[in-house]
Amino acid sequence: MKCKTLVVDDSSLARRMSRRILEELGHDVEEASDGAQALELYALNQYDLIILDMVMHGMYGLEVLTKLRQLNPAARVIVVTADIQRSTRDQVQAAGAAAMVNKPLNKEELAEVLSVVQNGGTTWN
């Protein structure tokens, strides 16, 4: 299913890689390089899906996630991170993300997670 998707990451390389995978999966993709820009774009465009990095300059991903959920409690957010700690996973889940995917992104894994999240589900077991 085609979605209007916002990729939020302070790494231009990570944004480009995410964009390439998402576009190959049929998504329309826009990018934000930090949390403040992401919140501004989301308020204007109400994206179907947000792919959100955790560790960014300025505003940490959990803060962005919390503010996105305040703007729209139904916002569908997939957090991407290299952090594999159980405590991070618990925080992301508690903050309302639909899923968490480890970096580097893998097309097949992301496609599987997207199919669940696009249908209103979560990947939390």
PDB file of N, CA and C in Angstrom:
ATOM      1  N   MET A   1       0.852  -1.176   0.000  1.00  0.00           N
ATOM      2  CA  MET A   1       0.000   0.000   0.000  1.00  0.00           C
ATOM      3  C   MET A   1       0.900   1.242   0.000  1.00  0.00           C
ATOM      4  N   LYS A   2       0.595   2.165  -0.872  1.00  0.00           N
ATOM      5  CA  LYS A   2       1.372   3.394  -0.990  1.00  0.00           C
ATOM      6  C   LYS A   2       1.044   4.337   0.167  1.00  0.00           C
ATOM      7  N   CYS A   3       2.087   4.879   0.800  1.00  0.00           N
ATOM      8  CA  CYS A   3       1.912   5.805   1.916  1.00  0.00           C
ATOM      9  C   CYS A   3       2.731   7.063   1.679  1.00  0.00           C
ATOM     10  N   LYS A   4       2.219   8.164   2.196  1.00  0.00           N
ATOM     11  CA  LYS A   4       2.998   9.395   2.257  1.00  0.00           C
ATOM     12  C   LYS A   4       3.826   9.294   3.539  1.00  0.00           C
ATOM     13  N   THR A   5       5.153   9.184   3.364  1.00  0.00           N
ATOM     14  CA  THR A   5       6.046   8.833   4.461  1.00  0.00           C
ATOM     15  C   THR A   5       7.079   9.925   4.703  1.00  0.00           C
ATOM     16  N   LEU A   6       7.314  10.221   5.977  1.00  0.00           N
ATOM     17  CA  LEU A   6       8.344  11.174   6.378  1.00  0.00           C
ATOM     18  C   LEU A   6       9.489  10.412   7.029  1.00  0.00           C
ATOM     19  N   VAL A   7      10.695  10.584   6.498  1.00  0.00           N
ATOM     20  CA  VAL A   7      11.893   9.983   7.073  1.00  0.00           C
ATOM     21  C   VAL A   7      12.620  11.060   7.864  1.00  0.00           C
ATOM     22  N   VAL A   8      12.860  10.799   9.146  1.00  0.00           N
ATOM     23  CA  VAL A   8      13.501  11.766  10.037  1.00  0.00           C
ATOM     24  C   VAL A   8      14.817  11.182  10.540  1.00  0.00           C
ATOM     25  N   ASP A   9      15.915  11.800  10.111  1.00  0.00           N
ATOM     26  CA  ASP A   9      17.235  11.335  10.527  1.00  0.00           C
ATOM     27  C   ASP A   9      18.222  12.472  10.291  1.00  0.00           C
ATOM     28  N   ASP A  10      19.152  12.679  11.209  1.00  0.00           N
ATOM     29  CA  ASP A  10      20.127  13.755  11.003  1.00  0.00           C
ATOM     30  C   ASP A  10      21.271  13.338  10.093  1.00  0.00           C
ATOM     31  N   SER A  11      21.317  12.085   9.698  1.00  0.00           N
ATOM     32  CA  SER A  11      22.330  11.592   8.756  1.00  0.00           C
ATOM     33  C   SER A  11      21.749  11.604   7.336  1.00  0.00           C
ATOM     34  N   SER A  12      22.369  12.380   6.462  1.00  0.00           N
ATOM     35  CA  SER A  12      21.874  12.437   5.083  1.00  0.00           C
ATOM     36  C   SER A  12      22.024  11.070   4.405  1.00  0.00           C
ATOM     37  N   LEU A  13      23.058  10.318   4.739  1.00  0.00           N
ATOM     38  CA  LEU A  13      23.232   8.988   4.175  1.00  0.00           C
ATOM     39  C   LEU A  13      22.089   8.062   4.600  1.00  0.00           C
ATOM     40  N   ALA A  14      21.756   8.089   5.873  1.00  0.00           N
ATOM     41  CA  ALA A  14      20.663   7.248   6.376  1.00  0.00           C
ATOM     42  C   ALA A  14      19.335   7.641   5.734  1.00  0.00           C
ATOM     43  N   ARG A  15      19.109   8.943   5.556  1.00  0.00           N
ATOM     44  CA  ARG A  15      17.868   9.394   4.899  1.00  0.00           C
ATOM     45  C   ARG A  15      17.811   8.887   3.464  1.00  0.00           C
ATOM     46  N   ARG A  16      18.926   8.998   2.748  1.00  0.00           N
ATOM     47  CA  ARG A  16      18.959   8.544   1.355  1.00  0.00           C
ATOM     48  C   ARG A  16      18.706   7.034   1.259  1.00  0.00           C
ATOM     49  N   MET A  17      19.316   6.275   2.147  1.00  0.00           N
ATOM     50  CA  MET A  17      19.122   4.823   2.141  1.00  0.00           C
ATOM     51  C   MET A  17      17.671   4.463   2.465  1.00  0.00           C
ATOM     52  N   SER A  18      17.103   5.136   3.446  1.00  0.00           N
ATOM     53  CA  SER A  18      15.702   4.897   3.810  1.00  0.00           C
ATOM     54  C   SER A  18      14.785   5.265   2.652  1.00  0.00           C
ATOM     55  N   ARG A  19      15.044   6.407   2.037  1.00  0.00           N
ATOM     56  CA  ARG A  19      14.242   6.871   0.904  1.00  0.00           C
ATOM     57  C   ARG A  19      14.267   5.844  -0.221  1.00  0.00           C
ATOM     58  N   ARG A  20      15.468   5.359  -0.539  1.00  0.00           N
ATOM     59  CA  ARG A  20      15.596   4.395  -1.631  1.00  0.00           C
ATOM     60  C   ARG A  20      14.766   3.145  -1.356  1.00  0.00           C
ATOM     61  N   ILE A  21      14.879   2.595  -0.168  1.00  0.00           N
ATOM     62  CA  ILE A  21      14.119   1.394   0.190  1.00  0.00           C
ATOM     63  C   ILE A  21      12.621   1.681   0.136  1.00  0.00           C
ATOM     64  N   LEU A  22      12.191   2.771   0.747  1.00  0.00           N
ATOM     65  CA  LEU A  22      10.764   3.092   0.791  1.00  0.00           C
ATOM     66  C   LEU A  22      10.195   3.353  -0.598  1.00  0.00           C
ATOM     67  N   GLU A  23      10.943   4.050  -1.436  1.00  0.00           N
ATOM     68  CA  GLU A  23      10.466   4.301  -2.796  1.00  0.00           C
ATOM     69  C   GLU A  23      10.384   2.999  -3.592  1.00  0.00           C
ATOM     70  N   GLU A  24      11.334   2.091  -3.377  1.00  0.00           N
ATOM     71  CA  GLU A  24      11.265   0.783  -4.025  1.00  0.00           C
ATOM     72  C   GLU A  24      10.025   0.016  -3.578  1.00  0.00           C
ATOM     73  N   LEU A  25       9.568   0.277  -2.360  1.00  0.00           N
ATOM     74  CA  LEU A  25       8.363  -0.361  -1.830  1.00  0.00           C
ATOM     75  C   LEU A  25       7.098   0.401  -2.209  1.00  0.00           C
ATOM     76  N   GLY A  26       7.247   1.491  -2.984  1.00  0.00           N
ATOM     77  CA  GLY A  26       6.094   2.210  -3.513  1.00  0.00           C
ATOM     78  C   GLY A  26       5.620   3.403  -2.709  1.00  0.00           C
ATOM     79  N   HIS A  27       6.402   3.875  -1.770  1.00  0.00           N
ATOM     80  CA  HIS A  27       6.000   5.003  -0.930  1.00  0.00           C
ATOM     81  C   HIS A  27       6.413   6.342  -1.540  1.00  0.00           C
ATOM     82  N   ASP A  28       5.635   7.378  -1.247  1.00  0.00           N
ATOM     83  CA  ASP A  28       6.039   8.762  -1.515  1.00  0.00           C
ATOM     84  C   ASP A  28       6.800   9.214  -0.277  1.00  0.00           C
ATOM     85  N   VAL A  29       8.017   9.729  -0.456  1.00  0.00           N
ATOM     86  CA  VAL A  29       8.893  10.001   0.681  1.00  0.00           C
ATOM     87  C   VAL A  29       9.327  11.460   0.704  1.00  0.00           C
ATOM     88  N   GLU A  30       9.255  12.048   1.895  1.00  0.00           N
ATOM     89  CA  GLU A  30       9.853  13.344   2.169  1.00  0.00           C
ATOM     90  C   GLU A  30      10.811  13.150   3.332  1.00  0.00           C
ATOM     91  N   GLU A  31      11.715  14.109   3.513  1.00  0.00           N
ATOM     92  CA  GLU A  31      12.758  13.974   4.524  1.00  0.00           C
ATOM     93  C   GLU A  31      12.791  15.173   5.464  1.00  0.00           C
ATOM     94  N   ALA A  32      13.196  14.887   6.698  1.00  0.00           N
ATOM     95  CA  ALA A  32      13.485  15.929   7.687  1.00  0.00           C
ATOM     96  C   ALA A  32      14.816  15.589   8.323  1.00  0.00           C
ATOM     97  N   SER A  33      15.650  16.619   8.516  1.00  0.00           N
ATOM     98  CA  SER A  33      16.991  16.382   9.044  1.00  0.00           C
ATOM     99  C   SER A  33      17.091  16.520  10.562  1.00  0.00           C
ATOM    100  N   ASP A  34      15.997  16.915  11.211  1.00  0.00           N
ATOM    101  CA  ASP A  34      16.006  17.000  12.675  1.00  0.00           C
ATOM    102  C   ASP A  34      14.575  16.978  13.197  1.00  0.00           C
ATOM    103  N   GLY A  35      14.457  16.897  14.510  1.00  0.00           N
ATOM    104  CA  GLY A  35      13.146  16.782  15.125  1.00  0.00           C
ATOM    105  C   GLY A  35      12.254  17.988  14.924  1.00  0.00           C
ATOM    106  N   ALA A  36      12.807  19.178  15.037  1.00  0.00           N
ATOM    107  CA  ALA A  36      12.000  20.395  14.867  1.00  0.00           C
ATOM    108  C   ALA A  36      11.417  20.469  13.461  1.00  0.00           C
ATOM    109  N   GLN A  37      12.243  20.179  12.475  1.00  0.00           N
ATOM    110  CA  GLN A  37      11.761  20.185  11.087  1.00  0.00           C
ATOM    111  C   GLN A  37      10.685  19.104  10.891  1.00  0.00           C
ATOM    112  N   ALA A  38      10.879  17.953  11.490  1.00  0.00           N
ATOM    113  CA  ALA A  38       9.904  16.863  11.383  1.00  0.00           C
ATOM    114  C   ALA A  38       8.551  17.281  11.945  1.00  0.00           C
ATOM    115  N   LEU A  39       8.551  17.909  13.110  1.00  0.00           N
ATOM    116  CA  LEU A  39       7.296  18.330  13.732  1.00  0.00           C
ATOM    117  C   LEU A  39       6.579  19.376  12.881  1.00  0.00           C
ATOM    118  N   GLU A  40       7.352  20.302  12.332  1.00  0.00           N
ATOM    119  CA  GLU A  40       6.777  21.333  11.472  1.00  0.00           C
ATOM    120  C   GLU A  40       6.158  20.696  10.214  1.00  0.00           C
ATOM    121  N   LEU A  41       6.902  19.819   9.566  1.00  0.00           N
ATOM    122  CA  LEU A  41       6.391  19.161   8.363  1.00  0.00           C
ATOM    123  C   LEU A  41       5.166  18.305   8.670  1.00  0.00           C
ATOM    124  N   TYR A  42       5.194  17.601   9.804  1.00  0.00           N
ATOM    125  CA  TYR A  42       4.059  16.752  10.161  1.00  0.00           C
ATOM    126  C   TYR A  42       2.808  17.590  10.412  1.00  0.00           C
ATOM    127  N   ALA A  43       2.962  18.702  11.081  1.00  0.00           N
ATOM    128  CA  ALA A  43       1.808  19.574  11.353  1.00  0.00           C
ATOM    129  C   ALA A  43       1.189  20.080  10.046  1.00  0.00           C
ATOM    130  N   LEU A  44       2.013  20.302   9.042  1.00  0.00           N
ATOM    131  CA  LEU A  44       1.527  20.800   7.753  1.00  0.00           C
ATOM    132  C   LEU A  44       0.978  19.695   6.859  1.00  0.00           C
ATOM    133  N   ASN A  45       1.531  18.493   6.948  1.00  0.00           N
ATOM    134  CA  ASN A  45       1.238  17.460   5.956  1.00  0.00           C
ATOM    135  C   ASN A  45       0.556  16.194   6.466  1.00  0.00           C
ATOM    136  N   GLN A  46       0.514  15.966   7.764  1.00  0.00           N
ATOM    137  CA  GLN A  46      -0.133  14.779   8.326  1.00  0.00           C
ATOM    138  C   GLN A  46       0.215  13.510   7.536  1.00  0.00           C
ATOM    139  N   TYR A  47       1.464  13.106   7.593  1.00  0.00           N
ATOM    140  CA  TYR A  47       1.953  11.932   6.888  1.00  0.00           C
ATOM    141  C   TYR A  47       1.247  10.673   7.369  1.00  0.00           C
ATOM    142  N   ASP A  48       1.178   9.682   6.482  1.00  0.00           N
ATOM    143  CA  ASP A  48       0.591   8.387   6.831  1.00  0.00           C
ATOM    144  C   ASP A  48       1.517   7.596   7.742  1.00  0.00           C
ATOM    145  N   LEU A  49       2.820   7.857   7.603  1.00  0.00           N
ATOM    146  CA  LEU A  49       3.809   7.071   8.311  1.00  0.00           C
ATOM    147  C   LEU A  49       5.050   7.915   8.553  1.00  0.00           C
ATOM    148  N   ILE A  50       5.690   7.717   9.707  1.00  0.00           N
ATOM    149  CA  ILE A  50       6.941   8.403  10.027  1.00  0.00           C
ATOM    150  C   ILE A  50       7.988   7.343  10.359  1.00  0.00           C
ATOM    151  N   ILE A  51       9.145   7.454   9.711  1.00  0.00           N
ATOM    152  CA  ILE A  51      10.303   6.621  10.036  1.00  0.00           C
ATOM    153  C   ILE A  51      11.244   7.534  10.818  1.00  0.00           C
ATOM    154  N   LEU A  52      11.465   7.251  12.098  1.00  0.00           N
ATOM    155  CA  LEU A  52      12.116   8.176  13.017  1.00  0.00           C
ATOM    156  C   LEU A  52      13.382   7.588  13.631  1.00  0.00           C
ATOM    157  N   ASP A  53      14.502   8.277  13.438  1.00  0.00           N
ATOM    158  CA  ASP A  53      15.757   7.903  14.085  1.00  0.00           C
ATOM    159  C   ASP A  53      15.689   8.283  15.561  1.00  0.00           C
ATOM    160  N   MET A  54      16.407   7.535  16.398  1.00  0.00           N
ATOM    161  CA  MET A  54      16.408   7.831  17.829  1.00  0.00           C
ATOM    162  C   MET A  54      17.442   8.876  18.221  1.00  0.00           C
ATOM    163  N   VAL A  55      18.657   8.731  17.709  1.00  0.00           N
ATOM    164  CA  VAL A  55      19.739   9.604  18.154  1.00  0.00           C
ATOM    165  C   VAL A  55      19.991  10.664  17.088  1.00  0.00           C
ATOM    166  N   MET A  56      19.581  11.893  17.414  1.00  0.00           N
ATOM    167  CA  MET A  56      19.747  13.016  16.494  1.00  0.00           C
ATOM    168  C   MET A  56      20.228  14.218  17.281  1.00  0.00           C
ATOM    169  N   HIS A  57      20.875  15.145  16.571  1.00  0.00           N
ATOM    170  CA  HIS A  57      21.288  16.399  17.187  1.00  0.00           C
ATOM    171  C   HIS A  57      20.049  17.228  17.497  1.00  0.00           C
ATOM    172  N   GLY A  58      20.096  17.974  18.568  1.00  0.00           N
ATOM    173  CA  GLY A  58      18.991  18.868  18.910  1.00  0.00           C
ATOM    174  C   GLY A  58      17.934  18.186  19.747  1.00  0.00           C
ATOM    175  N   MET A  59      17.056  17.455  19.093  1.00  0.00           N
ATOM    176  CA  MET A  59      15.933  16.825  19.779  1.00  0.00           C
ATOM    177  C   MET A  59      16.053  15.301  19.629  1.00  0.00           C
ATOM    178  N   TYR A  60      16.117  14.608  20.735  1.00  0.00           N
ATOM    179  CA  TYR A  60      16.225  13.159  20.736  1.00  0.00           C
ATOM    180  C   TYR A  60      14.941  12.535  20.177  1.00  0.00           C
ATOM    181  N   GLY A  61      15.051  11.377  19.560  1.00  0.00           N
ATOM    182  CA  GLY A  61      13.917  10.725  18.916  1.00  0.00           C
ATOM    183  C   GLY A  61      12.715  10.498  19.825  1.00  0.00           C
ATOM    184  N   LEU A  62      12.945  10.130  21.090  1.00  0.00           N
ATOM    185  CA  LEU A  62      11.818   9.920  22.009  1.00  0.00           C
ATOM    186  C   LEU A  62      11.022  11.202  22.231  1.00  0.00           C
ATOM    187  N   GLU A  63      11.709  12.322  22.287  1.00  0.00           N
ATOM    188  CA  GLU A  63      11.025  13.606  22.442  1.00  0.00           C
ATOM    189  C   GLU A  63      10.189  13.908  21.206  1.00  0.00           C
ATOM    190  N   VAL A  64      10.744  13.655  20.031  1.00  0.00           N
ATOM    191  CA  VAL A  64      10.004  13.864  18.785  1.00  0.00           C
ATOM    192  C   VAL A  64       8.773  12.953  18.750  1.00  0.00           C
ATOM    193  N   LEU A  65       8.967  11.698  19.121  1.00  0.00           N
ATOM    194  CA  LEU A  65       7.859  10.745  19.145  1.00  0.00           C
ATOM    195  C   LEU A  65       6.741  11.211  20.076  1.00  0.00           C
ATOM    196  N   THR A  66       7.103  11.662  21.252  1.00  0.00           N
ATOM    197  CA  THR A  66       6.108  12.156  22.216  1.00  0.00           C
ATOM    198  C   THR A  66       5.333  13.335  21.640  1.00  0.00           C
ATOM    199  N   LYS A  67       6.030  14.268  21.012  1.00  0.00           N
ATOM    200  CA  LYS A  67       5.365  15.442  20.437  1.00  0.00           C
ATOM    201  C   LYS A  67       4.506  15.071  19.233  1.00  0.00           C
ATOM    202  N   LEU A  68       4.953  14.116  18.426  1.00  0.00           N
ATOM    203  CA  LEU A  68       4.132  13.643  17.304  1.00  0.00           C
ATOM    204  C   LEU A  68       2.834  13.040  17.813  1.00  0.00           C
ATOM    205  N   ARG A  69       2.937  12.246  18.873  1.00  0.00           N
ATOM    206  CA  ARG A  69       1.736  11.610  19.441  1.00  0.00           C
ATOM    207  C   ARG A  69       0.802  12.650  20.063  1.00  0.00           C
ATOM    208  N   GLN A  70       1.344  13.787  20.539  1.00  0.00           N
ATOM    209  CA  GLN A  70       0.493  14.864  21.032  1.00  0.00           C
ATOM    210  C   GLN A  70      -0.241  15.540  19.879  1.00  0.00           C
ATOM    211  N   LEU A  71       0.452  15.703  18.755  1.00  0.00           N
ATOM    212  CA  LEU A  71      -0.185  16.290  17.572  1.00  0.00           C
ATOM    213  C   LEU A  71      -1.270  15.376  17.013  1.00  0.00           C
ATOM    214  N   ASN A  72      -0.992  14.082  17.041  1.00  0.00           N
ATOM    215  CA  ASN A  72      -1.939  13.106  16.502  1.00  0.00           C
ATOM    216  C   ASN A  72      -1.726  11.781  17.221  1.00  0.00           C
ATOM    217  N   PRO A  73      -2.600  11.441  18.164  1.00  0.00           N
ATOM    218  CA  PRO A  73      -2.430  10.193  18.908  1.00  0.00           C
ATOM    219  C   PRO A  73      -2.431   8.947  18.014  1.00  0.00           C
ATOM    220  N   ALA A  74      -2.968   9.061  16.812  1.00  0.00           N
ATOM    221  CA  ALA A  74      -3.010   7.920  15.895  1.00  0.00           C
ATOM    222  C   ALA A  74      -1.824   7.885  14.934  1.00  0.00           C
ATOM    223  N   ALA A  75      -0.871   8.798  15.093  1.00  0.00           N
ATOM    224  CA  ALA A  75       0.291   8.834  14.195  1.00  0.00           C
ATOM    225  C   ALA A  75       0.994   7.476  14.210  1.00  0.00           C
ATOM    226  N   ARG A  76       1.326   6.993  13.027  1.00  0.00           N
ATOM    227  CA  ARG A  76       2.014   5.706  12.908  1.00  0.00           C
ATOM    228  C   ARG A  76       3.509   5.982  12.745  1.00  0.00           C
ATOM    229  N   VAL A  77       4.266   5.564  13.755  1.00  0.00           N
ATOM    230  CA  VAL A  77       5.701   5.847  13.807  1.00  0.00           C
ATOM    231  C   VAL A  77       6.474   4.539  13.951  1.00  0.00           C
ATOM    232  N   ILE A  78       7.472   4.398  13.078  1.00  0.00           N
ATOM    233  CA  ILE A  78       8.422   3.298  13.193  1.00  0.00           C
ATOM    234  C   ILE A  78       9.763   3.911  13.571  1.00  0.00           C
ATOM    235  N   VAL A  79      10.301   3.509  14.704  1.00  0.00           N
ATOM    236  CA  VAL A  79      11.583   4.016  15.167  1.00  0.00           C
ATOM    237  C   VAL A  79      12.687   3.134  14.605  1.00  0.00           C
ATOM    238  N   VAL A  80      13.729   3.779  14.074  1.00  0.00           N
ATOM    239  CA  VAL A  80      14.918   3.053  13.609  1.00  0.00           C
ATOM    240  C   VAL A  80      16.092   3.471  14.476  1.00  0.00           C
ATOM    241  N   THR A  81      16.863   2.485  14.889  1.00  0.00           N
ATOM    242  CA  THR A  81      17.976   2.775  15.785  1.00  0.00           C
ATOM    243  C   THR A  81      19.006   1.660  15.743  1.00  0.00           C
ATOM    244  N   ALA A  82      20.229   2.019  16.054  1.00  0.00           N
ATOM    245  CA  ALA A  82      21.287   1.027  16.212  1.00  0.00           C
ATOM    246  C   ALA A  82      21.327   0.514  17.652  1.00  0.00           C
ATOM    247  N   ASP A  83      20.560   1.131  18.530  1.00  0.00           N
ATOM    248  CA  ASP A  83      20.508   0.778  19.950  1.00  0.00           C
ATOM    249  C   ASP A  83      19.628  -0.459  20.122  1.00  0.00           C
ATOM    250  N   ILE A  84      20.205  -1.546  20.613  1.00  0.00           N
ATOM    251  CA  ILE A  84      19.447  -2.791  20.755  1.00  0.00           C
ATOM    252  C   ILE A  84      19.102  -3.115  22.222  1.00  0.00           C
ATOM    253  N   GLN A  85      19.281  -2.148  23.104  1.00  0.00           N
ATOM    254  CA  GLN A  85      18.997  -2.371  24.518  1.00  0.00           C
ATOM    255  C   GLN A  85      17.504  -2.584  24.757  1.00  0.00           C
ATOM    256  N   ARG A  86      17.185  -3.486  25.661  1.00  0.00           N
ATOM    257  CA  ARG A  86      15.787  -3.771  26.023  1.00  0.00           C
ATOM    258  C   ARG A  86      15.123  -2.516  26.595  1.00  0.00           C
ATOM    259  N   SER A  87      15.861  -1.720  27.370  1.00  0.00           N
ATOM    260  CA  SER A  87      15.282  -0.512  27.972  1.00  0.00           C
ATOM    261  C   SER A  87      14.864   0.496  26.891  1.00  0.00           C
ATOM    262  N   THR A  88      15.647   0.606  25.823  1.00  0.00           N
ATOM    263  CA  THR A  88      15.288   1.505  24.727  1.00  0.00           C
ATOM    264  C   THR A  88      14.015   1.011  24.054  1.00  0.00           C
ATOM    265  N   ARG A  89      13.955  -0.285  23.795  1.00  0.00           N
ATOM    266  CA  ARG A  89      12.761  -0.881  23.183  1.00  0.00           C
ATOM    267  C   ARG A  89      11.525  -0.605  24.049  1.00  0.00           C
ATOM    268  N   ASP A  90      11.661  -0.773  25.354  1.00  0.00           N
ATOM    269  CA  ASP A  90      10.539  -0.524  26.269  1.00  0.00           C
ATOM    270  C   ASP A  90      10.106   0.939  26.239  1.00  0.00           C
ATOM    271  N   GLN A  91      11.072   1.857  26.211  1.00  0.00           N
ATOM    272  CA  GLN A  91      10.752   3.289  26.154  1.00  0.00           C
ATOM    273  C   GLN A  91      10.033   3.649  24.858  1.00  0.00           C
ATOM    274  N   VAL A  92      10.512   3.113  23.752  1.00  0.00           N
ATOM    275  CA  VAL A  92       9.915   3.383  22.448  1.00  0.00           C
ATOM    276  C   VAL A  92       8.480   2.857  22.405  1.00  0.00           C
ATOM    277  N   GLN A  93       8.284   1.662  22.913  1.00  0.00           N
ATOM    278  CA  GLN A  93       6.941   1.083  22.951  1.00  0.00           C
ATOM    279  C   GLN A  93       6.018   1.907  23.843  1.00  0.00           C
ATOM    280  N   ALA A  94       6.485   2.285  25.034  1.00  0.00           N
ATOM    281  CA  ALA A  94       5.677   3.071  25.965  1.00  0.00           C
ATOM    282  C   ALA A  94       5.320   4.442  25.390  1.00  0.00           C
ATOM    283  N   ALA A  95       6.207   5.003  24.569  1.00  0.00           N
ATOM    284  CA  ALA A  95       5.962   6.322  23.981  1.00  0.00           C
ATOM    285  C   ALA A  95       4.974   6.267  22.820  1.00  0.00           C
ATOM    286  N   GLY A  96       4.626   5.068  22.367  1.00  0.00           N
ATOM    287  CA  GLY A  96       3.576   4.952  21.366  1.00  0.00           C
ATOM    288  C   GLY A  96       4.003   4.614  19.950  1.00  0.00           C
ATOM    289  N   ALA A  97       5.258   4.224  19.757  1.00  0.00           N
ATOM    290  CA  ALA A  97       5.679   3.807  18.413  1.00  0.00           C
ATOM    291  C   ALA A  97       4.995   2.491  18.059  1.00  0.00           C
ATOM    292  N   ALA A  98       4.735   2.312  16.777  1.00  0.00           N
ATOM    293  CA  ALA A  98       4.116   1.074  16.314  1.00  0.00           C
ATOM    294  C   ALA A  98       5.133  -0.050  16.191  1.00  0.00           C
ATOM    295  N   ALA A  99       6.401   0.324  15.990  1.00  0.00           N
ATOM    296  CA  ALA A  99       7.437  -0.682  15.808  1.00  0.00           C
ATOM    297  C   ALA A  99       8.806  -0.053  16.008  1.00  0.00           C
ATOM    298  N   MET A 100       9.794  -0.920  16.173  1.00  0.00           N
ATOM    299  CA  MET A 100      11.187  -0.485  16.225  1.00  0.00           C
ATOM    300  C   MET A 100      11.993  -1.425  15.339  1.00  0.00           C
ATOM    301  N   VAL A 101      12.818  -0.840  14.473  1.00  0.00           N
ATOM    302  CA  VAL A 101      13.642  -1.606  13.538  1.00  0.00           C
ATOM    303  C   VAL A 101      15.090  -1.208  13.754  1.00  0.00           C
ATOM    304  N   ASN A 102      15.970  -2.184  13.740  1.00  0.00           N
ATOM    305  CA  ASN A 102      17.385  -1.908  13.944  1.00  0.00           C
ATOM    306  C   ASN A 102      18.051  -1.426  12.665  1.00  0.00           C
ATOM    307  N   LYS A 103      19.016  -0.523  12.842  1.00  0.00           N
ATOM    308  CA  LYS A 103      19.862  -0.073  11.743  1.00  0.00           C
ATOM    309  C   LYS A 103      21.006  -1.065  11.589  1.00  0.00           C
ATOM    310  N   PRO A 104      21.519  -1.221  10.406  1.00  0.00           N
ATOM    311  CA  PRO A 104      21.079  -0.591   9.163  1.00  0.00           C
ATOM    312  C   PRO A 104      19.784  -1.239   8.669  1.00  0.00           C
ATOM    313  N   LEU A 105      18.966  -0.442   7.957  1.00  0.00           N
ATOM    314  CA  LEU A 105      17.688  -0.941   7.467  1.00  0.00           C
ATOM    315  C   LEU A 105      17.893  -2.053   6.450  1.00  0.00           C
ATOM    316  N   ASN A 106      17.034  -3.028   6.556  1.00  0.00           N
ATOM    317  CA  ASN A 106      17.006  -4.159   5.644  1.00  0.00           C
ATOM    318  C   ASN A 106      15.658  -4.102   4.926  1.00  0.00           C
ATOM    319  N   LYS A 107      15.675  -4.120   3.608  1.00  0.00           N
ATOM    320  CA  LYS A 107      14.443  -3.956   2.823  1.00  0.00           C
ATOM    321  C   LYS A 107      13.382  -4.989   3.184  1.00  0.00           C
ATOM    322  N   GLU A 108      13.754  -6.239   3.301  1.00  0.00           N
ATOM    323  CA  GLU A 108      12.777  -7.292   3.580  1.00  0.00           C
ATOM    324  C   GLU A 108      12.167  -7.126   4.977  1.00  0.00           C
ATOM    325  N   GLU A 109      13.024  -6.824   5.954  1.00  0.00           N
ATOM    326  CA  GLU A 109      12.523  -6.628   7.321  1.00  0.00           C
ATOM    327  C   GLU A 109      11.603  -5.413   7.385  1.00  0.00           C
ATOM    328  N   LEU A 110      12.018  -4.325   6.744  1.00  0.00           N
ATOM    329  CA  LEU A 110      11.190  -3.117   6.760  1.00  0.00           C
ATOM    330  C   LEU A 110       9.863  -3.364   6.049  1.00  0.00           C
ATOM    331  N   ALA A 111       9.881  -4.081   4.933  1.00  0.00           N
ATOM    332  CA  ALA A 111       8.639  -4.384   4.208  1.00  0.00           C
ATOM    333  C   ALA A 111       7.678  -5.172   5.094  1.00  0.00           C
ATOM    334  N   GLU A 112       8.205  -6.115   5.859  1.00  0.00           N
ATOM    335  CA  GLU A 112       7.380  -6.918   6.762  1.00  0.00           C
ATOM    336  C   GLU A 112       6.757  -6.047   7.860  1.00  0.00           C
ATOM    337  N   VAL A 113       7.568  -5.185   8.463  1.00  0.00           N
ATOM    338  CA  VAL A 113       7.075  -4.290   9.516  1.00  0.00           C
ATOM    339  C   VAL A 113       6.055  -3.313   8.940  1.00  0.00           C
ATOM    340  N   LEU A 114       6.334  -2.781   7.764  1.00  0.00           N
ATOM    341  CA  LEU A 114       5.405  -1.841   7.133  1.00  0.00           C
ATOM    342  C   LEU A 114       4.045  -2.475   6.880  1.00  0.00           C
ATOM    343  N   SER A 115       4.026  -3.731   6.467  1.00  0.00           N
ATOM    344  CA  SER A 115       2.744  -4.380   6.185  1.00  0.00           C
ATOM    345  C   SER A 115       1.883  -4.475   7.440  1.00  0.00           C
ATOM    346  N   VAL A 116       2.505  -4.681   8.576  1.00  0.00           N
ATOM    347  CA  VAL A 116       1.771  -4.737   9.846  1.00  0.00           C
ATOM    348  C   VAL A 116       1.290  -3.336  10.243  1.00  0.00           C
ATOM    349  N   VAL A 117       2.205  -2.367  10.226  1.00  0.00           N
ATOM    350  CA  VAL A 117       1.900  -1.010  10.698  1.00  0.00           C
ATOM    351  C   VAL A 117       0.890  -0.313   9.790  1.00  0.00           C
ATOM    352  N   GLN A 118       1.004  -0.512   8.478  1.00  0.00           N
ATOM    353  CA  GLN A 118       0.070   0.129   7.545  1.00  0.00           C
ATOM    354  C   GLN A 118      -1.357  -0.364   7.741  1.00  0.00           C
ATOM    355  N   ASN A 119      -1.496  -1.554   8.297  1.00  0.00           N
ATOM    356  CA  ASN A 119      -2.827  -2.100   8.547  1.00  0.00           C
ATOM    357  C   ASN A 119      -3.293  -1.826   9.977  1.00  0.00           C
ATOM    358  N   GLY A 120      -2.626  -0.874  10.636  1.00  0.00           N
ATOM    359  CA  GLY A 120      -3.052  -0.448  11.963  1.00  0.00           C
ATOM    360  C   GLY A 120      -2.499  -1.255  13.112  1.00  0.00           C
ATOM    361  N   GLY A 121      -1.601  -2.198  12.834  1.00  0.00           N
ATOM    362  CA  GLY A 121      -1.057  -3.030  13.887  1.00  0.00           C
ATOM    363  C   GLY A 121       0.260  -2.501  14.433  1.00  0.00           C
ATOM    364  N   THR A 122       0.803  -3.260  15.358  1.00  0.00           N
ATOM    365  CA  THR A 122       2.124  -2.986  15.914  1.00  0.00           C
ATOM    366  C   THR A 122       2.927  -4.274  15.873  1.00  0.00           C
ATOM    367  N   THR A 123       4.213  -4.167  16.042  1.00  0.00           N
ATOM    368  CA  THR A 123       5.050  -5.366  16.059  1.00  0.00           C
ATOM    369  C   THR A 123       5.467  -5.762  17.462  1.00  0.00           C
ATOM    370  N   TRP A 124       4.881  -5.167  18.479  1.00  0.00           N
ATOM    371  CA  TRP A 124       5.244  -5.498  19.857  1.00  0.00           C
ATOM    372  C   TRP A 124       4.576  -6.808  20.227  1.00  0.00           C
ATOM    373  N   ASN A 125       5.353  -7.741  20.729  1.00  0.00           N
ATOM    374  CA  ASN A 125       4.804  -9.058  21.123  1.00  0.00           C
ATOM    375  C   ASN A 125       4.497  -9.104  22.596  1.00  0.00           C
TER     376      ASN A 125
END
